[in-house]
């Protein structure tokens, strides 16, 4: 299908648009200083992400747990982690505020400028497992210029479940092949492809720290199996003529 027929770019957010790890570590370090607690806050951030977010969604997808939004998954794990890492006696309001660090994540350096360019030519929207309220607050905080905000709580289906991609195309009133997913994660892109989406891989090699990106950036197989592969959003905008 001709690229000229693609009307919307939808973006994975955590790791693709925003640098969740740096943001969470910074706020965790600040909390530790305020509470007089020294800990491995990088490990704290990674455990919160992998066990709380990814692990929580996996249980829902597998039918092991009832539906819950990402804010709730994060908070459940946060309570465990605060105890594990030695932060005790924090008021519930303070726990709630710290849980909203995921609403305050900072963008990658190219994200805002790249999205702004892409917006000139395409509809741009999130397509994230995050809930709509989280994504809306994040956009306000980080200056993300979305045309609309789509979170998987609208479908009660977490990516890579087919309903997340099908529902997104339906909300946009577009055929799947008129939508392109932009993501830094191969599994997300492959799932979108299976639903008829076009795909663009954007490398984020430091998502989990230096040299610890989730997928090898621009490796041969990664390049070949997606429609586009880019080093960042500005590079993608150039490739797409935006």
Protein backbone atom coordinates (compact mmCIF):
# COMPACT_ATOMS: atom_id res chain seq x y z
CA UNK A 1 0.00 0.00 0.00
CA UNK A 2 1.32 3.43 -0.91
CA UNK A 3 2.65 5.52 1.97
CA UNK A 4 0.51 8.38 0.69
CA UNK A 5 -2.53 6.50 1.99
CA UNK A 6 -1.25 6.37 5.59
CA UNK A 7 -3.13 9.04 7.51
CA UNK A 8 -2.26 8.43 11.15
CA UNK A 9 0.85 7.62 13.15
CA UNK A 10 0.18 6.06 16.54
CA UNK A 11 2.97 5.78 19.07
CA UNK A 12 3.94 3.45 21.80
CA UNK A 13 4.78 5.80 24.66
CA UNK A 14 6.76 4.23 27.53
CA UNK A 15 10.32 3.89 26.24
CA UNK A 16 9.48 5.12 22.73
CA UNK A 17 8.32 8.68 23.43
CA UNK A 18 9.34 9.16 27.06
CA UNK A 19 12.44 8.14 29.01
CA UNK A 20 10.63 6.45 31.88
CA UNK A 21 13.73 5.06 33.60
CA UNK A 22 15.64 8.32 34.02
CA UNK A 23 12.49 10.06 35.28
CA UNK A 24 11.61 7.37 37.82
CA UNK A 25 15.17 7.10 39.12
CA UNK A 26 15.39 10.88 39.63
CA UNK A 27 12.16 11.04 41.63
CA UNK A 28 13.07 7.91 43.61
CA UNK A 29 16.42 9.43 44.53
CA UNK A 30 14.65 12.59 45.70
CA UNK A 31 12.26 10.53 47.80
CA UNK A 32 15.17 8.62 49.28
CA UNK A 33 16.95 11.84 50.26
CA UNK A 34 13.77 13.22 51.84
CA UNK A 35 13.26 10.03 53.81
CA UNK A 36 16.93 9.51 54.68
CA UNK A 37 17.05 6.21 52.78
CA UNK A 38 19.94 5.06 50.61
CA UNK A 39 19.10 2.37 48.07
CA UNK A 40 19.73 1.18 44.54
CA UNK A 41 17.09 3.36 42.95
CA UNK A 42 17.94 2.18 39.43
CA UNK A 43 17.07 -1.36 40.52
CA UNK A 44 13.91 0.02 42.14
CA UNK A 45 12.85 1.62 38.84
CA UNK A 46 13.58 -1.53 36.84
CA UNK A 47 11.68 -3.74 39.25
CA UNK A 48 8.71 -1.38 39.25
CA UNK A 49 8.64 -1.45 35.47
CA UNK A 50 9.24 -5.16 34.90
CA UNK A 51 7.32 -6.73 37.77
CA UNK A 52 4.67 -4.07 38.37
CA UNK A 53 3.81 -2.86 34.88
CA UNK A 54 4.84 -5.66 32.53
CA UNK A 55 4.14 -8.43 35.00
CA UNK A 56 0.79 -6.99 36.03
CA UNK A 57 -0.39 -6.71 32.44
CA UNK A 58 0.77 -10.24 31.64
CA UNK A 59 -1.43 -11.64 34.41
CA UNK A 60 -4.44 -9.77 33.02
CA UNK A 61 -3.76 -10.91 29.46
CA UNK A 62 -3.38 -14.50 30.69
CA UNK A 63 -6.65 -14.38 32.60
CA UNK A 64 -4.90 -14.71 35.98
CA UNK A 65 -6.15 -11.34 37.25
CA UNK A 66 -9.15 -9.07 36.58
CA UNK A 67 -8.89 -5.92 34.51
CA UNK A 68 -7.10 -3.00 36.16
CA UNK A 69 -5.69 0.22 34.75
CA UNK A 70 -1.94 0.85 34.73
CA UNK A 71 -2.17 3.40 37.56
CA UNK A 72 -3.55 0.64 39.80
CA UNK A 73 -0.94 -1.89 38.68
CA UNK A 74 1.79 0.63 39.46
CA UNK A 75 0.43 1.45 42.89
CA UNK A 76 0.06 -2.16 43.98
CA UNK A 77 3.69 -2.85 43.16
CA UNK A 78 4.85 0.45 44.64
CA UNK A 79 3.55 -0.50 48.08
CA UNK A 80 5.67 -3.67 47.96
CA UNK A 81 8.75 -1.86 46.69
CA UNK A 82 8.67 0.93 49.25
CA UNK A 83 8.77 -1.67 51.99
CA UNK A 84 11.46 -3.72 50.24
CA UNK A 85 13.71 -0.69 49.69
CA UNK A 86 13.31 0.63 53.22
CA UNK A 87 10.85 3.52 52.80
CA UNK A 88 8.43 3.08 55.70
CA UNK A 89 5.60 5.15 57.17
CA UNK A 90 4.91 7.24 54.07
CA UNK A 91 1.49 8.88 54.18
CA UNK A 92 -1.05 7.53 51.70
CA UNK A 93 -1.21 10.91 49.97
CA UNK A 94 2.57 10.80 49.52
CA UNK A 95 2.35 7.28 48.10
CA UNK A 96 -0.35 8.45 45.69
CA UNK A 97 1.75 11.40 44.57
CA UNK A 98 4.85 9.29 44.06
CA UNK A 99 2.83 6.76 42.06
CA UNK A 100 2.00 9.60 39.68
CA UNK A 101 5.66 9.87 38.70
CA UNK A 102 4.47 7.90 35.65
CA UNK A 103 2.29 10.91 34.78
CA UNK A 104 5.39 13.14 34.89
CA UNK A 105 7.84 11.24 32.71
CA UNK A 106 10.19 13.33 30.62
CA UNK A 107 10.44 12.96 26.83
CA UNK A 108 13.48 11.83 24.91
CA UNK A 109 15.37 14.88 23.57
CA UNK A 110 14.00 14.46 20.03
CA UNK A 111 10.41 13.59 20.94
CA UNK A 112 8.65 16.96 21.04
CA UNK A 113 10.39 18.38 17.98
CA UNK A 114 9.96 15.15 16.06
CA UNK A 115 6.29 14.80 16.92
CA UNK A 116 5.69 18.42 15.99
CA UNK A 117 7.15 17.80 12.54
CA UNK A 118 5.22 14.57 12.03
CA UNK A 119 2.00 16.29 13.11
CA UNK A 120 2.24 18.59 10.10
CA UNK A 121 1.65 15.64 7.78
CA UNK A 122 -0.18 13.01 9.84
CA UNK A 123 -2.68 12.60 12.62
CA UNK A 124 -0.55 11.69 15.63
CA UNK A 125 -1.82 9.84 18.69
CA UNK A 126 -0.59 7.73 21.52
CA UNK A 127 -1.36 4.00 21.44
CA UNK A 128 -0.20 3.04 24.89
CA UNK A 129 -1.02 0.53 27.57
CA UNK A 130 -1.19 3.51 29.90
CA UNK A 131 -4.64 4.74 30.89
CA UNK A 132 -6.04 7.87 29.26
CA UNK A 133 -5.78 10.04 32.38
CA UNK A 134 -2.12 9.09 32.84
CA UNK A 135 -1.32 9.79 29.19
CA UNK A 136 -3.19 13.10 29.22
CA UNK A 137 -1.30 14.34 32.28
CA UNK A 138 1.97 13.13 30.78
CA UNK A 139 1.30 15.03 27.56
CA UNK A 140 0.57 18.24 29.48
CA UNK A 141 3.72 17.83 31.56
CA UNK A 142 6.06 16.87 28.73
CA UNK A 143 4.58 19.09 26.00
CA UNK A 144 3.64 16.18 23.74
CA UNK A 145 1.55 17.61 20.88
CA UNK A 146 -0.89 14.73 20.35
CA UNK A 147 -3.95 15.21 18.17
CA UNK A 148 -5.68 12.67 20.41
CA UNK A 149 -4.83 10.39 23.31
CA UNK A 150 -5.58 6.69 23.04
CA UNK A 151 -4.93 4.38 25.97
CA UNK A 152 -5.70 0.69 26.20
CA UNK A 153 -8.18 1.25 29.02
CA UNK A 154 -10.55 2.32 26.23
CA UNK A 155 -10.58 -1.29 25.02
CA UNK A 156 -9.79 -3.19 28.24
CA UNK A 157 -7.19 -5.01 26.20
CA UNK A 158 -3.45 -4.55 26.68
CA UNK A 159 -1.05 -4.65 23.78
CA UNK A 160 -0.10 -6.90 22.10
CA UNK A 161 -3.72 -8.14 22.19
CA UNK A 162 -5.35 -7.66 18.77
CA UNK A 163 -8.26 -5.64 20.23
CA UNK A 164 -5.90 -2.78 21.12
CA UNK A 165 -4.86 -2.24 17.51
CA UNK A 166 -8.28 -2.99 16.01
CA UNK A 167 -9.93 -0.60 18.46
CA UNK A 168 -7.46 2.17 17.65
CA UNK A 169 -8.16 1.98 13.91
CA UNK A 170 -11.88 1.96 14.65
CA UNK A 171 -11.67 5.05 16.88
CA UNK A 172 -9.74 6.89 14.17
CA UNK A 173 -12.29 5.72 11.56
CA UNK A 174 -9.43 4.40 9.44
CA UNK A 175 -8.60 1.06 7.90
CA UNK A 176 -5.68 -0.68 9.66
CA UNK A 177 -3.42 -0.18 6.65
CA UNK A 178 -3.99 3.58 6.93
CA UNK A 179 -2.39 3.57 10.38
CA UNK A 180 1.31 3.23 11.21
CA UNK A 181 2.56 2.20 14.63
CA UNK A 182 5.80 3.81 15.76
CA UNK A 183 7.56 1.91 18.54
CA UNK A 184 10.93 0.92 19.96
CA UNK A 185 9.77 -2.63 20.72
CA UNK A 186 9.71 -5.40 18.14
CA UNK A 187 6.90 -7.38 19.78
CA UNK A 188 4.56 -4.37 19.66
CA UNK A 189 5.38 -3.72 16.01
CA UNK A 190 4.95 -7.36 15.05
CA UNK A 191 1.55 -7.49 16.74
CA UNK A 192 0.49 -4.33 14.89
CA UNK A 193 1.67 -5.82 11.61
CA UNK A 194 -0.47 -8.88 12.23
CA UNK A 195 -3.50 -6.54 12.38
CA UNK A 196 -2.61 -4.86 9.09
CA UNK A 197 -0.82 -1.75 10.41
CA UNK A 198 2.22 -0.20 8.77
CA UNK A 199 5.21 -0.06 11.12
CA UNK A 200 8.18 2.12 12.00
CA UNK A 201 10.91 1.02 14.40
CA UNK A 202 12.65 3.82 16.32
CA UNK A 203 15.74 2.81 18.27
CA UNK A 204 15.94 3.67 21.97
CA UNK A 205 19.14 1.81 22.92
CA UNK A 206 19.36 3.31 26.42
CA UNK A 207 15.78 2.62 27.55
CA UNK A 208 17.01 0.34 30.35
CA UNK A 209 20.29 2.21 30.80
CA UNK A 210 23.42 2.56 28.64
CA UNK A 211 23.52 -0.27 26.14
CA UNK A 212 20.39 -1.88 27.57
CA UNK A 213 17.71 -1.08 25.02
CA UNK A 214 15.00 -3.71 24.62
CA UNK A 215 15.91 -4.48 21.02
CA UNK A 216 19.10 -4.14 19.02
CA UNK A 217 18.81 -0.81 17.21
CA UNK A 218 18.76 -1.04 13.45
CA UNK A 219 20.08 -4.61 13.39
CA UNK A 220 19.56 -6.33 10.06
CA UNK A 221 16.47 -8.32 10.99
CA UNK A 222 14.93 -5.32 12.74
CA UNK A 223 15.53 -3.18 9.69
CA UNK A 224 14.14 -5.67 7.23
CA UNK A 225 10.89 -6.68 8.82
CA UNK A 226 9.38 -3.22 9.41
CA UNK A 227 8.42 -0.56 6.88
CA UNK A 228 10.79 2.02 8.38
CA UNK A 229 13.68 2.03 10.84
CA UNK A 230 14.95 5.28 12.34
CA UNK A 231 17.44 6.48 14.91
CA UNK A 232 14.94 8.93 16.42
CA UNK A 233 11.76 10.85 15.60
CA UNK A 234 13.59 13.54 13.63
CA UNK A 235 15.14 10.88 11.45
CA UNK A 236 11.72 9.29 10.99
CA UNK A 237 10.20 12.66 10.09
CA UNK A 238 12.85 13.10 7.42
CA UNK A 239 12.19 9.64 5.99
CA UNK A 240 8.44 10.34 5.90
CA UNK A 241 8.86 13.74 4.27
CA UNK A 242 7.53 15.68 7.24
